[in-house]
């Protein structure tokens, strides 16, 4: 794998794309614009006045274009601070996703290695069901990624009013399988849904229903929100 992700990885990342974008926005709104520090021996991350428990997800070497998972970092392997990273590896083994099981992922052949690293962080966040991820510079040419493991981080809620815009916009993040992205978004928010031919129908928490239509390539064709009473 030198210049593209596997289909297994892309499908997994797609599952988390819509809710993940909203959750990252919630995390960024929660964190102040301030200097940061971390004490990995205590799983502690500080940014301004906000202190969080975190897990080390991975690091990205910009010069080499390589990603190293936290569970494979010789300085932290087997320690508590890489517990969520290790959970990603176990998930990868169970679902045969090579990007999650290789200790180091070569991204140097990608058109945009930095974006590819963000994709790994994003997918890892989703698999771990973490409320976002935090990427910070950690020395010249190195980016470190943390997963918050703290109930203080607010969860992004499903907004029925903004739903059509959210679905249409955020499915484009990966674009591998928009239908999978929409289904997984409702699954994440525990919204009852059913598929009828080329349509997905979901019962929203406010009592309304949403109908998402797909074309022959599983792209979103239309979104309708209907009052049921």
C-alpha atoms as a PDB file:
ATOM      1  CA  UNK A   1       0.000   0.000   0.000  1.00  0.00           C
ATOM      2  CA  UNK A   2       1.793   3.116  -1.194  1.00  0.00           C
ATOM      3  CA  UNK A   3      -0.710   5.544  -2.590  1.00  0.00           C
ATOM      4  CA  UNK A   4      -4.180   4.519  -1.535  1.00  0.00           C
ATOM      5  CA  UNK A   5      -6.135   3.109   1.361  1.00  0.00           C
ATOM      6  CA  UNK A   6      -7.746  -0.316   1.246  1.00  0.00           C
ATOM      7  CA  UNK A   7     -11.460  -0.679   0.525  1.00  0.00           C
ATOM      8  CA  UNK A   8     -11.911  -2.132   4.017  1.00  0.00           C
ATOM      9  CA  UNK A   9     -10.426   0.990   5.561  1.00  0.00           C
ATOM     10  CA  UNK A  10     -12.427   3.399   3.386  1.00  0.00           C
ATOM     11  CA  UNK A  11     -15.698   1.641   4.194  1.00  0.00           C
ATOM     12  CA  UNK A  12     -14.884   1.771   7.892  1.00  0.00           C
ATOM     13  CA  UNK A  13     -13.960   5.460   7.731  1.00  0.00           C
ATOM     14  CA  UNK A  14     -17.192   6.095   5.818  1.00  0.00           C
ATOM     15  CA  UNK A  15     -19.208   4.615   8.670  1.00  0.00           C
ATOM     16  CA  UNK A  16     -18.041   7.429  10.945  1.00  0.00           C
ATOM     17  CA  UNK A  17     -17.864  10.307   8.475  1.00  0.00           C
ATOM     18  CA  UNK A  18     -21.078  12.251   9.126  1.00  0.00           C
ATOM     19  CA  UNK A  19     -21.273  11.980  12.922  1.00  0.00           C
ATOM     20  CA  UNK A  20     -17.494  12.317  13.138  1.00  0.00           C
ATOM     21  CA  UNK A  21     -17.417  15.688  11.391  1.00  0.00           C
ATOM     22  CA  UNK A  22     -20.070  17.058  13.737  1.00  0.00           C
ATOM     23  CA  UNK A  23     -18.261  15.635  16.757  1.00  0.00           C
ATOM     24  CA  UNK A  24     -14.964  17.199  15.734  1.00  0.00           C
ATOM     25  CA  UNK A  25     -16.701  20.563  15.464  1.00  0.00           C
ATOM     26  CA  UNK A  26     -18.132  20.102  18.973  1.00  0.00           C
ATOM     27  CA  UNK A  27     -14.675  19.282  20.328  1.00  0.00           C
ATOM     28  CA  UNK A  28     -13.030  22.267  18.639  1.00  0.00           C
ATOM     29  CA  UNK A  29     -15.720  24.578  20.021  1.00  0.00           C
ATOM     30  CA  UNK A  30     -15.100  23.125  23.495  1.00  0.00           C
ATOM     31  CA  UNK A  31     -11.320  23.521  23.502  1.00  0.00           C
ATOM     32  CA  UNK A  32      -9.976  27.060  24.006  1.00  0.00           C
ATOM     33  CA  UNK A  33      -7.401  28.574  21.671  1.00  0.00           C
ATOM     34  CA  UNK A  34      -4.507  28.252  24.059  1.00  0.00           C
ATOM     35  CA  UNK A  35      -1.150  26.516  24.553  1.00  0.00           C
ATOM     36  CA  UNK A  36      -1.244  22.803  25.275  1.00  0.00           C
ATOM     37  CA  UNK A  37       0.781  20.288  27.261  1.00  0.00           C
ATOM     38  CA  UNK A  38       0.496  16.578  27.955  1.00  0.00           C
ATOM     39  CA  UNK A  39       1.696  14.180  30.620  1.00  0.00           C
ATOM     40  CA  UNK A  40       1.379  10.763  29.002  1.00  0.00           C
ATOM     41  CA  UNK A  41       2.363   8.945  32.193  1.00  0.00           C
ATOM     42  CA  UNK A  42      -0.933  10.116  33.699  1.00  0.00           C
ATOM     43  CA  UNK A  43      -2.976  10.199  30.441  1.00  0.00           C
ATOM     44  CA  UNK A  44      -3.413  13.939  31.007  1.00  0.00           C
ATOM     45  CA  UNK A  45      -3.829  16.682  28.402  1.00  0.00           C
ATOM     46  CA  UNK A  46      -4.094  20.381  29.217  1.00  0.00           C
ATOM     47  CA  UNK A  47      -5.195  23.144  26.832  1.00  0.00           C
ATOM     48  CA  UNK A  48      -5.768  26.490  28.468  1.00  0.00           C
ATOM     49  CA  UNK A  49      -8.002  25.900  31.468  1.00  0.00           C
ATOM     50  CA  UNK A  50      -9.363  22.604  30.098  1.00  0.00           C
ATOM     51  CA  UNK A  51      -7.821  19.372  31.333  1.00  0.00           C
ATOM     52  CA  UNK A  52      -8.762  16.071  29.724  1.00  0.00           C
ATOM     53  CA  UNK A  53      -7.937  12.424  30.086  1.00  0.00           C
ATOM     54  CA  UNK A  54      -6.572  11.264  26.724  1.00  0.00           C
ATOM     55  CA  UNK A  55      -5.138   8.281  24.912  1.00  0.00           C
ATOM     56  CA  UNK A  56      -2.192   8.468  22.518  1.00  0.00           C
ATOM     57  CA  UNK A  57      -3.554   7.488  19.104  1.00  0.00           C
ATOM     58  CA  UNK A  58      -0.487   7.905  16.909  1.00  0.00           C
ATOM     59  CA  UNK A  59       2.228  10.157  15.520  1.00  0.00           C
ATOM     60  CA  UNK A  60       2.929  11.368  12.004  1.00  0.00           C
ATOM     61  CA  UNK A  61       6.465  11.959  10.764  1.00  0.00           C
ATOM     62  CA  UNK A  62       6.126  14.615   8.067  1.00  0.00           C
ATOM     63  CA  UNK A  63       9.617  14.098   6.644  1.00  0.00           C
ATOM     64  CA  UNK A  64       9.275  10.358   6.237  1.00  0.00           C
ATOM     65  CA  UNK A  65       5.557  10.487   5.506  1.00  0.00           C
ATOM     66  CA  UNK A  66       4.922   7.702   8.006  1.00  0.00           C
ATOM     67  CA  UNK A  67       2.287   7.099  10.647  1.00  0.00           C
ATOM     68  CA  UNK A  68       3.120   5.183  13.842  1.00  0.00           C
ATOM     69  CA  UNK A  69       0.222   3.873  15.932  1.00  0.00           C
ATOM     70  CA  UNK A  70       0.402   4.580  19.645  1.00  0.00           C
ATOM     71  CA  UNK A  71       0.176   0.880  20.510  1.00  0.00           C
ATOM     72  CA  UNK A  72       3.349   0.288  18.461  1.00  0.00           C
ATOM     73  CA  UNK A  73       5.366   3.161  19.951  1.00  0.00           C
ATOM     74  CA  UNK A  74       8.197   1.463  21.879  1.00  0.00           C
ATOM     75  CA  UNK A  75       8.077   4.127  24.567  1.00  0.00           C
ATOM     76  CA  UNK A  76       4.424   3.475  25.409  1.00  0.00           C
ATOM     77  CA  UNK A  77       3.549  -0.020  24.137  1.00  0.00           C
ATOM     78  CA  UNK A  78       1.385  -1.868  26.640  1.00  0.00           C
ATOM     79  CA  UNK A  79       0.780   1.196  28.816  1.00  0.00           C
ATOM     80  CA  UNK A  80      -2.553   2.693  29.777  1.00  0.00           C
ATOM     81  CA  UNK A  81      -2.088   5.756  27.581  1.00  0.00           C
ATOM     82  CA  UNK A  82      -2.345   3.661  24.389  1.00  0.00           C
ATOM     83  CA  UNK A  83      -5.385   1.619  25.454  1.00  0.00           C
ATOM     84  CA  UNK A  84      -7.694   3.154  22.835  1.00  0.00           C
ATOM     85  CA  UNK A  85      -5.056   2.813  20.135  1.00  0.00           C
ATOM     86  CA  UNK A  86      -4.715  -0.861  21.050  1.00  0.00           C
ATOM     87  CA  UNK A  87      -8.495  -1.214  20.767  1.00  0.00           C
ATOM     88  CA  UNK A  88      -8.233   0.108  17.191  1.00  0.00           C
ATOM     89  CA  UNK A  89      -5.650  -2.577  16.426  1.00  0.00           C
ATOM     90  CA  UNK A  90      -7.885  -5.319  17.842  1.00  0.00           C
ATOM     91  CA  UNK A  91     -10.770  -4.022  15.742  1.00  0.00           C
ATOM     92  CA  UNK A  92      -8.542  -4.077  12.689  1.00  0.00           C
ATOM     93  CA  UNK A  93      -7.574  -7.686  13.347  1.00  0.00           C
ATOM     94  CA  UNK A  94     -11.186  -8.752  13.797  1.00  0.00           C
ATOM     95  CA  UNK A  95     -12.340  -6.967  10.620  1.00  0.00           C
ATOM     96  CA  UNK A  96      -9.191  -7.454   8.524  1.00  0.00           C
ATOM     97  CA  UNK A  97      -8.378  -3.780   8.077  1.00  0.00           C
ATOM     98  CA  UNK A  98      -4.654  -3.628   7.306  1.00  0.00           C
ATOM     99  CA  UNK A  99      -4.191   0.061   8.127  1.00  0.00           C
ATOM    100  CA  UNK A 100      -5.201  -0.628  11.736  1.00  0.00           C
ATOM    101  CA  UNK A 101      -2.963  -3.660  12.225  1.00  0.00           C
ATOM    102  CA  UNK A 102       0.296  -2.440  10.657  1.00  0.00           C
ATOM    103  CA  UNK A 103       2.405  -0.826  13.370  1.00  0.00           C
ATOM    104  CA  UNK A 104       3.634   1.781  10.888  1.00  0.00           C
ATOM    105  CA  UNK A 105       1.705   2.991   7.829  1.00  0.00           C
ATOM    106  CA  UNK A 106       3.658   4.412   4.892  1.00  0.00           C
ATOM    107  CA  UNK A 107       1.846   7.498   3.590  1.00  0.00           C
ATOM    108  CA  UNK A 108       4.713   8.912   1.542  1.00  0.00           C
ATOM    109  CA  UNK A 109       3.155   7.827  -1.759  1.00  0.00           C
ATOM    110  CA  UNK A 110      -0.121   9.651  -1.159  1.00  0.00           C
ATOM    111  CA  UNK A 111      -0.776  12.908  -3.017  1.00  0.00           C
ATOM    112  CA  UNK A 112      -1.283  14.581   0.378  1.00  0.00           C
ATOM    113  CA  UNK A 113       0.372  12.550   3.167  1.00  0.00           C
ATOM    114  CA  UNK A 114      -0.781  15.000   5.854  1.00  0.00           C
ATOM    115  CA  UNK A 115      -4.415  14.566   4.808  1.00  0.00           C
ATOM    116  CA  UNK A 116      -3.915  10.800   4.773  1.00  0.00           C
ATOM    117  CA  UNK A 117      -2.653  11.004   8.365  1.00  0.00           C
ATOM    118  CA  UNK A 118      -5.766  12.956   9.317  1.00  0.00           C
ATOM    119  CA  UNK A 119      -7.840  10.182   7.729  1.00  0.00           C
ATOM    120  CA  UNK A 120      -6.138   7.591   9.913  1.00  0.00           C
ATOM    121  CA  UNK A 121      -6.786   9.724  12.989  1.00  0.00           C
ATOM    122  CA  UNK A 122     -10.404  10.256  11.964  1.00  0.00           C
ATOM    123  CA  UNK A 123     -11.049   6.557  11.379  1.00  0.00           C
ATOM    124  CA  UNK A 124      -9.298   5.647  14.619  1.00  0.00           C
ATOM    125  CA  UNK A 125     -11.516   8.114  16.448  1.00  0.00           C
ATOM    126  CA  UNK A 126     -14.577   6.454  14.940  1.00  0.00           C
ATOM    127  CA  UNK A 127     -13.558   2.900  15.740  1.00  0.00           C
ATOM    128  CA  UNK A 128     -12.758   3.882  19.331  1.00  0.00           C
ATOM    129  CA  UNK A 129     -16.037   5.833  19.535  1.00  0.00           C
ATOM    130  CA  UNK A 130     -14.049   8.752  20.918  1.00  0.00           C
ATOM    131  CA  UNK A 131     -15.527  12.285  21.047  1.00  0.00           C
ATOM    132  CA  UNK A 132     -13.094  13.627  18.466  1.00  0.00           C
ATOM    133  CA  UNK A 133      -9.336  13.654  18.056  1.00  0.00           C
ATOM    134  CA  UNK A 134      -6.682  16.285  18.790  1.00  0.00           C
ATOM    135  CA  UNK A 135      -3.680  16.818  16.531  1.00  0.00           C
ATOM    136  CA  UNK A 136      -0.791  18.933  17.778  1.00  0.00           C
ATOM    137  CA  UNK A 137       2.794  19.671  16.657  1.00  0.00           C
ATOM    138  CA  UNK A 138       5.309  17.777  18.768  1.00  0.00           C
ATOM    139  CA  UNK A 139       8.667  18.997  17.551  1.00  0.00           C
ATOM    140  CA  UNK A 140      10.012  19.761  14.077  1.00  0.00           C
ATOM    141  CA  UNK A 141       8.226  17.692  11.468  1.00  0.00           C
ATOM    142  CA  UNK A 142       6.152  15.627  13.890  1.00  0.00           C
ATOM    143  CA  UNK A 143       2.433  15.710  14.604  1.00  0.00           C
ATOM    144  CA  UNK A 144       0.976  13.834  17.573  1.00  0.00           C
ATOM    145  CA  UNK A 145      -2.652  12.726  17.784  1.00  0.00           C
ATOM    146  CA  UNK A 146      -4.676  12.167  20.945  1.00  0.00           C
ATOM    147  CA  UNK A 147      -8.133  10.711  21.540  1.00  0.00           C
ATOM    148  CA  UNK A 148     -10.113  12.342  24.349  1.00  0.00           C
ATOM    149  CA  UNK A 149     -11.270   9.744  26.863  1.00  0.00           C
ATOM    150  CA  UNK A 150     -13.240  12.087  29.054  1.00  0.00           C
ATOM    151  CA  UNK A 151     -16.962  12.635  29.657  1.00  0.00           C
ATOM    152  CA  UNK A 152     -16.389  16.394  29.857  1.00  0.00           C
ATOM    153  CA  UNK A 153     -16.249  16.620  26.067  1.00  0.00           C
ATOM    154  CA  UNK A 154     -19.738  17.489  24.760  1.00  0.00           C
ATOM    155  CA  UNK A 155     -21.409  15.129  22.311  1.00  0.00           C
ATOM    156  CA  UNK A 156     -22.750  16.469  19.025  1.00  0.00           C
ATOM    157  CA  UNK A 157     -26.516  16.008  18.851  1.00  0.00           C
ATOM    158  CA  UNK A 158     -28.697  15.269  15.872  1.00  0.00           C
ATOM    159  CA  UNK A 159     -30.315  18.534  14.764  1.00  0.00           C
ATOM    160  CA  UNK A 160     -33.436  17.787  12.671  1.00  0.00           C
ATOM    161  CA  UNK A 161     -33.439  21.308  11.216  1.00  0.00           C
ATOM    162  CA  UNK A 162     -29.831  21.147  10.041  1.00  0.00           C
ATOM    163  CA  UNK A 163     -30.025  17.471   9.054  1.00  0.00           C
ATOM    164  CA  UNK A 164     -30.390  17.861   5.252  1.00  0.00           C
ATOM    165  CA  UNK A 165     -27.433  20.240   5.068  1.00  0.00           C
ATOM    166  CA  UNK A 166     -25.335  18.032   7.345  1.00  0.00           C
ATOM    167  CA  UNK A 167     -25.983  14.904   5.307  1.00  0.00           C
ATOM    168  CA  UNK A 168     -25.397  16.544   1.930  1.00  0.00           C
ATOM    169  CA  UNK A 169     -22.212  18.279   3.050  1.00  0.00           C
ATOM    170  CA  UNK A 170     -20.489  15.734   5.261  1.00  0.00           C
ATOM    171  CA  UNK A 171     -20.958  12.627   3.110  1.00  0.00           C
ATOM    172  CA  UNK A 172     -18.496  14.288   0.734  1.00  0.00           C
ATOM    173  CA  UNK A 173     -15.670  13.944   3.278  1.00  0.00           C
ATOM    174  CA  UNK A 174     -14.767  10.495   1.945  1.00  0.00           C
ATOM    175  CA  UNK A 175     -17.354   9.840  -0.762  1.00  0.00           C
ATOM    176  CA  UNK A 176     -16.647   6.107  -0.965  1.00  0.00           C
ATOM    177  CA  UNK A 177     -20.151   5.018   0.016  1.00  0.00           C
ATOM    178  CA  UNK A 178     -22.560   7.866   0.865  1.00  0.00           C
ATOM    179  CA  UNK A 179     -25.364   5.409   1.610  1.00  0.00           C
ATOM    180  CA  UNK A 180     -23.189   3.685   4.207  1.00  0.00           C
ATOM    181  CA  UNK A 181     -22.347   7.069   5.726  1.00  0.00           C
ATOM    182  CA  UNK A 182     -26.024   8.029   6.096  1.00  0.00           C
ATOM    183  CA  UNK A 183     -27.067   4.670   7.542  1.00  0.00           C
ATOM    184  CA  UNK A 184     -24.232   4.740  10.049  1.00  0.00           C
ATOM    185  CA  UNK A 185     -25.075   8.305  11.071  1.00  0.00           C
ATOM    186  CA  UNK A 186     -28.588   7.265  12.090  1.00  0.00           C
ATOM    187  CA  UNK A 187     -27.227   4.124  13.728  1.00  0.00           C
ATOM    188  CA  UNK A 188     -24.802   6.205  15.791  1.00  0.00           C
ATOM    189  CA  UNK A 189     -27.661   8.376  17.040  1.00  0.00           C
ATOM    190  CA  UNK A 190     -29.861   5.311  17.635  1.00  0.00           C
ATOM    191  CA  UNK A 191     -32.498   6.534  15.182  1.00  0.00           C
ATOM    192  CA  UNK A 192     -34.843   3.810  13.864  1.00  0.00           C
ATOM    193  CA  UNK A 193     -34.384   3.385  10.118  1.00  0.00           C
ATOM    194  CA  UNK A 194     -35.377   1.082   7.309  1.00  0.00           C
ATOM    195  CA  UNK A 195     -34.430   0.702   3.684  1.00  0.00           C
ATOM    196  CA  UNK A 196     -37.078   0.470   0.979  1.00  0.00           C
ATOM    197  CA  UNK A 197     -35.586  -0.039  -2.480  1.00  0.00           C
ATOM    198  CA  UNK A 198     -33.517   3.096  -3.207  1.00  0.00           C
ATOM    199  CA  UNK A 199     -34.812   5.031  -0.184  1.00  0.00           C
ATOM    200  CA  UNK A 200     -33.860   5.170   3.462  1.00  0.00           C
ATOM    201  CA  UNK A 201     -36.557   6.195   5.934  1.00  0.00           C
ATOM    202  CA  UNK A 202     -35.680   7.293   9.464  1.00  0.00           C
ATOM    203  CA  UNK A 203     -37.869   8.356  12.391  1.00  0.00           C
ATOM    204  CA  UNK A 204     -36.394  11.494  13.939  1.00  0.00           C
ATOM    205  CA  UNK A 205     -36.469  12.214  17.692  1.00  0.00           C
ATOM    206  CA  UNK A 206     -38.794  15.211  17.179  1.00  0.00           C
ATOM    207  CA  UNK A 207     -41.503  12.989  15.694  1.00  0.00           C
ATOM    208  CA  UNK A 208     -40.841  13.852  12.061  1.00  0.00           C
ATOM    209  CA  UNK A 209     -39.512  11.451   9.463  1.00  0.00           C
ATOM    210  CA  UNK A 210     -36.724  11.872   6.936  1.00  0.00           C
ATOM    211  CA  UNK A 211     -36.591  10.161   3.555  1.00  0.00           C
ATOM    212  CA  UNK A 212     -33.198   9.979   1.848  1.00  0.00           C
ATOM    213  CA  UNK A 213     -33.244   8.848  -1.777  1.00  0.00           C
ATOM    214  CA  UNK A 214     -30.173   7.411  -3.520  1.00  0.00           C
ATOM    215  CA  UNK A 215     -29.272   7.047  -7.176  1.00  0.00           C
ATOM    216  CA  UNK A 216     -27.925   3.881  -8.834  1.00  0.00           C
ATOM    217  CA  UNK A 217     -24.425   4.667  -7.497  1.00  0.00           C
ATOM    218  CA  UNK A 218     -25.687   5.088  -3.904  1.00  0.00           C
ATOM    219  CA  UNK A 219     -25.211   8.853  -4.012  1.00  0.00           C
ATOM    220  CA  UNK A 220     -27.767  11.070  -2.273  1.00  0.00           C
ATOM    221  CA  UNK A 221     -30.371  12.233  -4.762  1.00  0.00           C
ATOM    222  CA  UNK A 222     -32.880  13.926  -2.494  1.00  0.00           C
ATOM    223  CA  UNK A 223     -33.652  14.499   1.196  1.00  0.00           C
ATOM    224  CA  UNK A 224     -37.156  15.149   2.479  1.00  0.00           C
ATOM    225  CA  UNK A 225     -38.154  15.873   6.061  1.00  0.00           C
ATOM    226  CA  UNK A 226     -41.842  15.232   6.658  1.00  0.00           C
ATOM    227  CA  UNK A 227     -44.112  15.911   9.596  1.00  0.00           C
ATOM    228  CA  UNK A 228     -45.860  12.726  10.689  1.00  0.00           C
ATOM    229  CA  UNK A 229     -48.636  14.320  12.705  1.00  0.00           C
END
